[in-house]
Amino acid sequence: MIFPFTEVLGLAEDRVFRPMIPLILKVNTKIFKSYALIDSGADYNFLPISIAASLGLDLSREPRYVLSAAGGKTFTVYKSPVEIDHIIKSKGQKLRWKSFVYFSEHERNILLGESGFVNRFRVVLDGKSRNIGIEP
């Protein structure tokens, strides 16, 4: 599967290109569709805490962890109580897998990290052509 980088406005109205892909998250009959940023520096998959409610998940009894981000800033995360179904679709192709994720009080974007995404696929970030290649 090949996806183009997503163009956004950066500082001083510069164009910035990010490795983002469309992603469907599913728990039982609850579905959440969004875009996810591939983050080679993230150890795990992180989701904004607000998505837990959309997926019908109660995090009140789940373990809480305090992690450090780049630059030393700390943030709190909760491990998902169940594995979450992840689905990527493109031009009639589909990749599907399950993994535990961490819901973050700090993060506003869905981040796909090493454990739960990168370790499952061949992921190529081609900055020159601004394309993302994902293979099983």
N, C-alpha and C. Protein backbone atom coordinates (compact mmCIF):
# COMPACT_ATOMS: atom_id res chain seq x y z
N MET A 1 0.84 -1.17 0.00
CA MET A 1 0.00 0.00 0.00
C MET A 1 0.88 1.24 0.00
N ILE A 2 0.47 2.22 -0.78
CA ILE A 2 1.20 3.48 -0.84
C ILE A 2 0.24 4.61 -0.47
N PHE A 3 0.70 5.50 0.40
CA PHE A 3 -0.08 6.66 0.81
C PHE A 3 0.79 7.90 0.64
N PRO A 4 0.20 9.01 0.21
CA PRO A 4 0.98 10.25 0.15
C PRO A 4 1.10 10.87 1.54
N PHE A 5 2.19 11.60 1.78
CA PHE A 5 2.29 12.38 3.00
C PHE A 5 1.16 13.41 3.00
N THR A 6 0.76 13.87 4.17
CA THR A 6 -0.28 14.87 4.32
C THR A 6 0.37 16.24 4.46
N GLU A 7 -0.10 17.20 3.68
CA GLU A 7 0.44 18.55 3.73
C GLU A 7 -0.30 19.39 4.76
N VAL A 8 0.46 20.07 5.60
CA VAL A 8 -0.11 20.97 6.60
C VAL A 8 0.69 22.26 6.60
N LEU A 9 0.13 23.30 7.21
CA LEU A 9 0.86 24.55 7.33
C LEU A 9 1.76 24.49 8.55
N GLY A 10 3.01 24.87 8.34
CA GLY A 10 3.98 24.89 9.43
C GLY A 10 4.20 26.31 9.91
N LEU A 11 5.35 26.56 10.49
CA LEU A 11 5.70 27.89 10.96
C LEU A 11 5.76 28.87 9.80
N ALA A 12 5.34 30.09 10.04
CA ALA A 12 5.40 31.15 9.03
C ALA A 12 4.75 30.72 7.71
N GLU A 13 3.69 29.92 7.83
CA GLU A 13 2.92 29.47 6.65
C GLU A 13 3.72 28.58 5.70
N ASP A 14 4.82 28.00 6.18
CA ASP A 14 5.58 27.04 5.36
C ASP A 14 4.75 25.78 5.17
N ARG A 15 4.97 25.08 4.07
CA ARG A 15 4.33 23.79 3.83
C ARG A 15 5.16 22.72 4.52
N VAL A 16 4.48 21.85 5.27
CA VAL A 16 5.12 20.74 5.96
C VAL A 16 4.39 19.47 5.55
N PHE A 17 5.13 18.38 5.38
CA PHE A 17 4.52 17.12 4.96
C PHE A 17 4.71 16.08 6.06
N ARG A 18 3.60 15.46 6.46
CA ARG A 18 3.64 14.49 7.55
C ARG A 18 3.24 13.10 7.07
N PRO A 19 3.89 12.06 7.62
CA PRO A 19 3.52 10.68 7.25
C PRO A 19 2.27 10.23 8.00
N MET A 20 1.10 10.55 7.43
CA MET A 20 -0.18 10.22 8.05
C MET A 20 -0.96 9.28 7.14
N ILE A 21 -1.68 8.35 7.77
CA ILE A 21 -2.49 7.40 7.01
C ILE A 21 -3.90 7.33 7.58
N PRO A 22 -4.89 7.01 6.73
CA PRO A 22 -6.24 6.82 7.25
C PRO A 22 -6.30 5.53 8.07
N LEU A 23 -6.99 5.59 9.21
CA LEU A 23 -7.03 4.45 10.11
C LEU A 23 -8.43 4.29 10.67
N ILE A 24 -8.88 3.04 10.75
CA ILE A 24 -10.15 2.71 11.38
C ILE A 24 -9.82 1.92 12.63
N LEU A 25 -10.39 2.32 13.76
CA LEU A 25 -10.23 1.61 15.03
C LEU A 25 -11.58 1.00 15.38
N LYS A 26 -11.56 -0.24 15.88
CA LYS A 26 -12.82 -0.92 16.15
C LYS A 26 -12.72 -1.73 17.44
N VAL A 27 -13.76 -1.59 18.29
CA VAL A 27 -13.92 -2.42 19.48
C VAL A 27 -15.38 -2.87 19.47
N ASN A 28 -15.58 -4.19 19.33
CA ASN A 28 -16.93 -4.75 19.20
C ASN A 28 -17.65 -4.06 18.05
N THR A 29 -18.74 -3.35 18.31
CA THR A 29 -19.48 -2.69 17.23
C THR A 29 -19.14 -1.20 17.11
N LYS A 30 -18.29 -0.69 17.99
CA LYS A 30 -17.92 0.74 17.98
C LYS A 30 -16.76 0.96 17.03
N ILE A 31 -16.91 1.98 16.18
CA ILE A 31 -15.89 2.29 15.17
C ILE A 31 -15.49 3.76 15.29
N PHE A 32 -14.19 4.02 15.13
CA PHE A 32 -13.67 5.39 15.12
C PHE A 32 -12.75 5.52 13.90
N LYS A 33 -13.04 6.50 13.03
CA LYS A 33 -12.23 6.72 11.83
C LYS A 33 -11.48 8.04 11.96
N SER A 34 -10.20 8.01 11.59
CA SER A 34 -9.38 9.21 11.67
C SER A 34 -8.11 9.01 10.84
N TYR A 35 -7.19 9.92 11.02
CA TYR A 35 -5.85 9.78 10.44
C TYR A 35 -4.86 9.58 11.57
N ALA A 36 -3.83 8.80 11.30
CA ALA A 36 -2.81 8.51 12.30
C ALA A 36 -1.45 8.92 11.77
N LEU A 37 -0.64 9.48 12.64
CA LEU A 37 0.72 9.88 12.30
C LEU A 37 1.67 8.74 12.62
N ILE A 38 2.46 8.34 11.64
CA ILE A 38 3.49 7.32 11.88
C ILE A 38 4.65 8.01 12.58
N ASP A 39 4.96 7.57 13.79
CA ASP A 39 5.96 8.22 14.63
C ASP A 39 7.05 7.21 14.98
N SER A 40 8.15 7.28 14.26
CA SER A 40 9.25 6.32 14.48
C SER A 40 9.90 6.49 15.85
N GLY A 41 9.62 7.60 16.52
CA GLY A 41 10.17 7.82 17.85
C GLY A 41 9.26 7.37 18.98
N ALA A 42 8.02 6.97 18.64
CA ALA A 42 7.08 6.52 19.66
C ALA A 42 7.29 5.03 19.92
N ASP A 43 7.33 4.64 21.18
CA ASP A 43 7.51 3.23 21.52
C ASP A 43 6.24 2.42 21.30
N TYR A 44 5.08 3.06 21.44
CA TYR A 44 3.78 2.38 21.36
C TYR A 44 2.82 3.18 20.50
N ASN A 45 1.62 2.62 20.31
CA ASN A 45 0.53 3.36 19.69
C ASN A 45 -0.15 4.17 20.77
N PHE A 46 -0.29 5.47 20.52
CA PHE A 46 -0.94 6.37 21.47
C PHE A 46 -2.17 7.00 20.83
N LEU A 47 -3.25 7.07 21.60
CA LEU A 47 -4.48 7.68 21.15
C LEU A 47 -4.91 8.73 22.16
N PRO A 48 -5.56 9.82 21.70
CA PRO A 48 -6.11 10.78 22.65
C PRO A 48 -7.13 10.08 23.56
N ILE A 49 -7.17 10.46 24.80
CA ILE A 49 -8.05 9.79 25.78
C ILE A 49 -9.52 9.90 25.38
N SER A 50 -9.89 10.94 24.65
CA SER A 50 -11.29 11.12 24.25
C SER A 50 -11.79 10.00 23.34
N ILE A 51 -10.89 9.33 22.65
CA ILE A 51 -11.29 8.24 21.75
C ILE A 51 -11.75 7.01 22.53
N ALA A 52 -11.28 6.84 23.75
CA ALA A 52 -11.69 5.69 24.57
C ALA A 52 -13.21 5.66 24.72
N ALA A 53 -13.81 6.79 25.03
CA ALA A 53 -15.26 6.85 25.19
C ALA A 53 -15.97 6.54 23.87
N SER A 54 -15.43 7.03 22.76
CA SER A 54 -16.02 6.75 21.44
C SER A 54 -16.01 5.27 21.12
N LEU A 55 -15.04 4.55 21.67
CA LEU A 55 -14.94 3.10 21.45
C LEU A 55 -15.63 2.30 22.56
N GLY A 56 -16.28 3.00 23.48
CA GLY A 56 -17.01 2.32 24.55
C GLY A 56 -16.12 1.73 25.63
N LEU A 57 -14.93 2.28 25.81
CA LEU A 57 -13.99 1.74 26.80
C LEU A 57 -13.97 2.58 28.07
N ASP A 58 -13.98 1.90 29.20
CA ASP A 58 -13.89 2.53 30.50
C ASP A 58 -12.46 2.34 31.00
N LEU A 59 -11.74 3.43 31.19
CA LEU A 59 -10.34 3.35 31.62
C LEU A 59 -10.16 3.56 33.12
N SER A 60 -11.26 3.72 33.85
CA SER A 60 -11.16 4.08 35.27
C SER A 60 -10.45 3.03 36.12
N ARG A 61 -10.45 1.78 35.70
CA ARG A 61 -9.79 0.73 36.48
C ARG A 61 -8.47 0.26 35.85
N GLU A 62 -8.06 0.95 34.80
CA GLU A 62 -6.84 0.54 34.09
C GLU A 62 -5.61 1.17 34.71
N PRO A 63 -4.46 0.48 34.58
CA PRO A 63 -3.22 1.04 35.12
C PRO A 63 -2.89 2.38 34.47
N ARG A 64 -2.32 3.25 35.28
CA ARG A 64 -1.90 4.57 34.80
C ARG A 64 -0.37 4.59 34.81
N TYR A 65 0.21 5.12 33.74
CA TYR A 65 1.67 5.22 33.64
C TYR A 65 2.04 6.66 33.33
N VAL A 66 3.15 7.10 33.87
CA VAL A 66 3.68 8.42 33.54
C VAL A 66 4.92 8.20 32.68
N LEU A 67 4.89 8.75 31.47
CA LEU A 67 5.98 8.58 30.52
C LEU A 67 6.64 9.92 30.23
N SER A 68 7.85 9.85 29.68
CA SER A 68 8.56 11.06 29.27
C SER A 68 8.58 11.16 27.75
N ALA A 69 8.30 12.35 27.25
CA ALA A 69 8.35 12.61 25.82
C ALA A 69 9.70 13.23 25.48
N ALA A 70 9.92 13.43 24.19
CA ALA A 70 11.13 14.12 23.76
C ALA A 70 11.18 15.48 24.47
N GLY A 71 12.33 15.85 24.95
CA GLY A 71 12.46 17.09 25.67
C GLY A 71 12.21 16.96 27.16
N GLY A 72 11.86 15.74 27.61
CA GLY A 72 11.70 15.49 29.03
C GLY A 72 10.33 15.77 29.62
N LYS A 73 9.40 16.29 28.82
CA LYS A 73 8.05 16.56 29.33
C LYS A 73 7.36 15.24 29.64
N THR A 74 6.65 15.17 30.76
CA THR A 74 5.96 13.93 31.15
C THR A 74 4.48 14.01 30.80
N PHE A 75 3.88 12.84 30.60
CA PHE A 75 2.46 12.75 30.31
C PHE A 75 1.93 11.43 30.84
N THR A 76 0.63 11.39 31.12
CA THR A 76 -0.02 10.22 31.70
C THR A 76 -0.77 9.44 30.63
N VAL A 77 -0.64 8.10 30.67
CA VAL A 77 -1.34 7.24 29.72
C VAL A 77 -2.02 6.10 30.48
N TYR A 78 -3.03 5.52 29.82
CA TYR A 78 -3.77 4.37 30.35
C TYR A 78 -3.75 3.28 29.28
N LYS A 79 -3.40 2.07 29.67
CA LYS A 79 -3.39 0.96 28.73
C LYS A 79 -4.82 0.54 28.42
N SER A 80 -5.07 0.24 27.15
CA SER A 80 -6.41 -0.22 26.77
C SER A 80 -6.72 -1.54 27.46
N PRO A 81 -7.97 -1.73 27.91
CA PRO A 81 -8.33 -2.97 28.59
C PRO A 81 -8.44 -4.16 27.64
N VAL A 82 -8.56 -3.90 26.36
CA VAL A 82 -8.66 -4.95 25.35
C VAL A 82 -7.79 -4.58 24.16
N GLU A 83 -7.47 -5.58 23.35
CA GLU A 83 -6.78 -5.27 22.09
C GLU A 83 -7.76 -4.57 21.17
N ILE A 84 -7.28 -3.58 20.47
CA ILE A 84 -8.12 -2.79 19.57
C ILE A 84 -7.82 -3.21 18.13
N ASP A 85 -8.87 -3.41 17.37
CA ASP A 85 -8.76 -3.77 15.97
C ASP A 85 -8.35 -2.51 15.18
N HIS A 86 -7.28 -2.63 14.39
CA HIS A 86 -6.79 -1.54 13.54
C HIS A 86 -7.00 -1.97 12.09
N ILE A 87 -7.51 -1.08 11.26
CA ILE A 87 -7.76 -1.40 9.86
C ILE A 87 -7.27 -0.24 8.98
N ILE A 88 -6.48 -0.59 7.97
CA ILE A 88 -6.03 0.36 6.96
C ILE A 88 -6.57 -0.14 5.62
N LYS A 89 -7.22 0.73 4.86
CA LYS A 89 -7.74 0.35 3.55
C LYS A 89 -7.18 1.28 2.49
N SER A 90 -6.90 0.70 1.33
CA SER A 90 -6.44 1.52 0.20
C SER A 90 -6.63 0.74 -1.10
N LYS A 91 -7.40 1.30 -2.01
CA LYS A 91 -7.57 0.74 -3.35
C LYS A 91 -7.87 -0.75 -3.35
N GLY A 92 -8.86 -1.15 -2.57
CA GLY A 92 -9.26 -2.55 -2.52
C GLY A 92 -8.40 -3.45 -1.66
N GLN A 93 -7.34 -2.92 -1.09
CA GLN A 93 -6.48 -3.69 -0.19
C GLN A 93 -6.82 -3.34 1.25
N LYS A 94 -6.56 -4.29 2.14
CA LYS A 94 -6.82 -4.06 3.56
C LYS A 94 -5.75 -4.73 4.40
N LEU A 95 -5.25 -3.99 5.38
CA LEU A 95 -4.39 -4.54 6.42
C LEU A 95 -5.16 -4.44 7.72
N ARG A 96 -5.16 -5.53 8.48
CA ARG A 96 -5.93 -5.56 9.73
C ARG A 96 -5.08 -6.25 10.79
N TRP A 97 -5.04 -5.67 11.98
CA TRP A 97 -4.32 -6.28 13.09
C TRP A 97 -4.92 -5.78 14.40
N LYS A 98 -4.60 -6.48 15.47
CA LYS A 98 -5.05 -6.08 16.81
C LYS A 98 -3.83 -5.76 17.66
N SER A 99 -4.00 -4.77 18.51
CA SER A 99 -2.94 -4.48 19.48
C SER A 99 -3.51 -3.68 20.64
N PHE A 100 -2.80 -3.75 21.76
CA PHE A 100 -3.12 -2.88 22.87
C PHE A 100 -2.58 -1.50 22.52
N VAL A 101 -3.24 -0.47 23.01
CA VAL A 101 -2.80 0.90 22.78
C VAL A 101 -2.76 1.61 24.14
N TYR A 102 -2.21 2.80 24.13
CA TYR A 102 -2.19 3.63 25.33
C TYR A 102 -2.93 4.93 25.04
N PHE A 103 -3.90 5.23 25.91
CA PHE A 103 -4.68 6.45 25.77
C PHE A 103 -3.99 7.54 26.58
N SER A 104 -3.75 8.66 25.93
CA SER A 104 -2.97 9.74 26.54
C SER A 104 -3.83 10.96 26.87
N GLU A 105 -3.59 11.53 28.04
CA GLU A 105 -4.24 12.77 28.42
C GLU A 105 -3.60 13.95 27.71
N HIS A 106 -2.43 13.74 27.15
CA HIS A 106 -1.64 14.82 26.54
C HIS A 106 -1.76 14.87 25.02
N GLU A 107 -1.76 13.73 24.39
CA GLU A 107 -1.67 13.66 22.93
C GLU A 107 -2.99 14.03 22.26
N ARG A 108 -2.91 14.82 21.19
CA ARG A 108 -4.10 15.19 20.41
C ARG A 108 -4.21 14.37 19.14
N ASN A 109 -3.13 13.75 18.72
CA ASN A 109 -3.12 12.96 17.49
C ASN A 109 -3.03 11.47 17.81
N ILE A 110 -3.44 10.66 16.87
CA ILE A 110 -3.19 9.22 16.97
C ILE A 110 -1.77 9.00 16.47
N LEU A 111 -0.96 8.36 17.28
CA LEU A 111 0.42 8.06 16.91
C LEU A 111 0.59 6.55 16.76
N LEU A 112 1.15 6.13 15.65
CA LEU A 112 1.47 4.73 15.43
C LEU A 112 2.96 4.56 15.67
N GLY A 113 3.31 3.81 16.70
CA GLY A 113 4.70 3.66 17.09
C GLY A 113 5.26 2.28 16.82
N GLU A 114 6.39 2.00 17.45
CA GLU A 114 7.14 0.77 17.18
C GLU A 114 6.34 -0.47 17.59
N SER A 115 5.95 -0.54 18.85
CA SER A 115 5.21 -1.72 19.32
C SER A 115 3.73 -1.52 19.03
N GLY A 116 3.20 -2.33 18.15
CA GLY A 116 1.80 -2.21 17.78
C GLY A 116 1.58 -1.76 16.36
N PHE A 117 2.66 -1.31 15.68
CA PHE A 117 2.54 -0.96 14.26
C PHE A 117 3.83 -1.25 13.50
N VAL A 118 4.87 -0.49 13.77
CA VAL A 118 6.12 -0.62 12.99
C VAL A 118 6.68 -2.04 13.07
N ASN A 119 6.55 -2.70 14.24
CA ASN A 119 7.10 -4.05 14.40
C ASN A 119 6.28 -5.11 13.66
N ARG A 120 5.15 -4.75 13.09
CA ARG A 120 4.28 -5.71 12.39
C ARG A 120 4.37 -5.63 10.87
N PHE A 121 4.93 -4.54 10.36
CA PHE A 121 4.93 -4.31 8.92
C PHE A 121 6.27 -3.80 8.43
N ARG A 122 6.43 -3.83 7.13
CA ARG A 122 7.55 -3.14 6.49
C ARG A 122 7.03 -1.75 6.18
N VAL A 123 7.56 -0.76 6.87
CA VAL A 123 7.10 0.62 6.72
C VAL A 123 8.25 1.44 6.14
N VAL A 124 8.00 2.07 4.99
CA VAL A 124 9.02 2.90 4.34
C VAL A 124 8.50 4.33 4.25
N LEU A 125 9.22 5.24 4.89
CA LEU A 125 8.89 6.66 4.79
C LEU A 125 9.85 7.27 3.77
N ASP A 126 9.35 7.55 2.59
CA ASP A 126 10.16 8.09 1.50
C ASP A 126 9.93 9.60 1.44
N GLY A 127 10.77 10.33 2.14
CA GLY A 127 10.63 11.78 2.21
C GLY A 127 10.83 12.47 0.89
N LYS A 128 11.69 11.91 0.05
CA LYS A 128 11.96 12.54 -1.23
C LYS A 128 10.72 12.54 -2.13
N SER A 129 10.02 11.42 -2.20
CA SER A 129 8.81 11.35 -3.03
C SER A 129 7.56 11.67 -2.21
N ARG A 130 7.72 11.83 -0.89
CA ARG A 130 6.61 12.13 0.02
C ARG A 130 5.55 11.04 -0.03
N ASN A 131 6.02 9.80 0.05
CA ASN A 131 5.12 8.65 0.06
C ASN A 131 5.45 7.74 1.24
N ILE A 132 4.42 7.01 1.68
CA ILE A 132 4.54 6.03 2.74
C ILE A 132 4.23 4.67 2.12
N GLY A 133 5.12 3.71 2.28
CA GLY A 133 4.87 2.36 1.81
C GLY A 133 4.66 1.44 3.01
N ILE A 134 3.58 0.63 2.98
CA ILE A 134 3.29 -0.30 4.06
C ILE A 134 3.03 -1.66 3.44
N GLU A 135 3.79 -2.65 3.90
CA GLU A 135 3.62 -4.03 3.41
C GLU A 135 3.55 -4.98 4.61
N PRO A 136 2.78 -6.08 4.45
CA PRO A 136 2.72 -7.09 5.54
C PRO A 136 4.09 -7.69 5.82
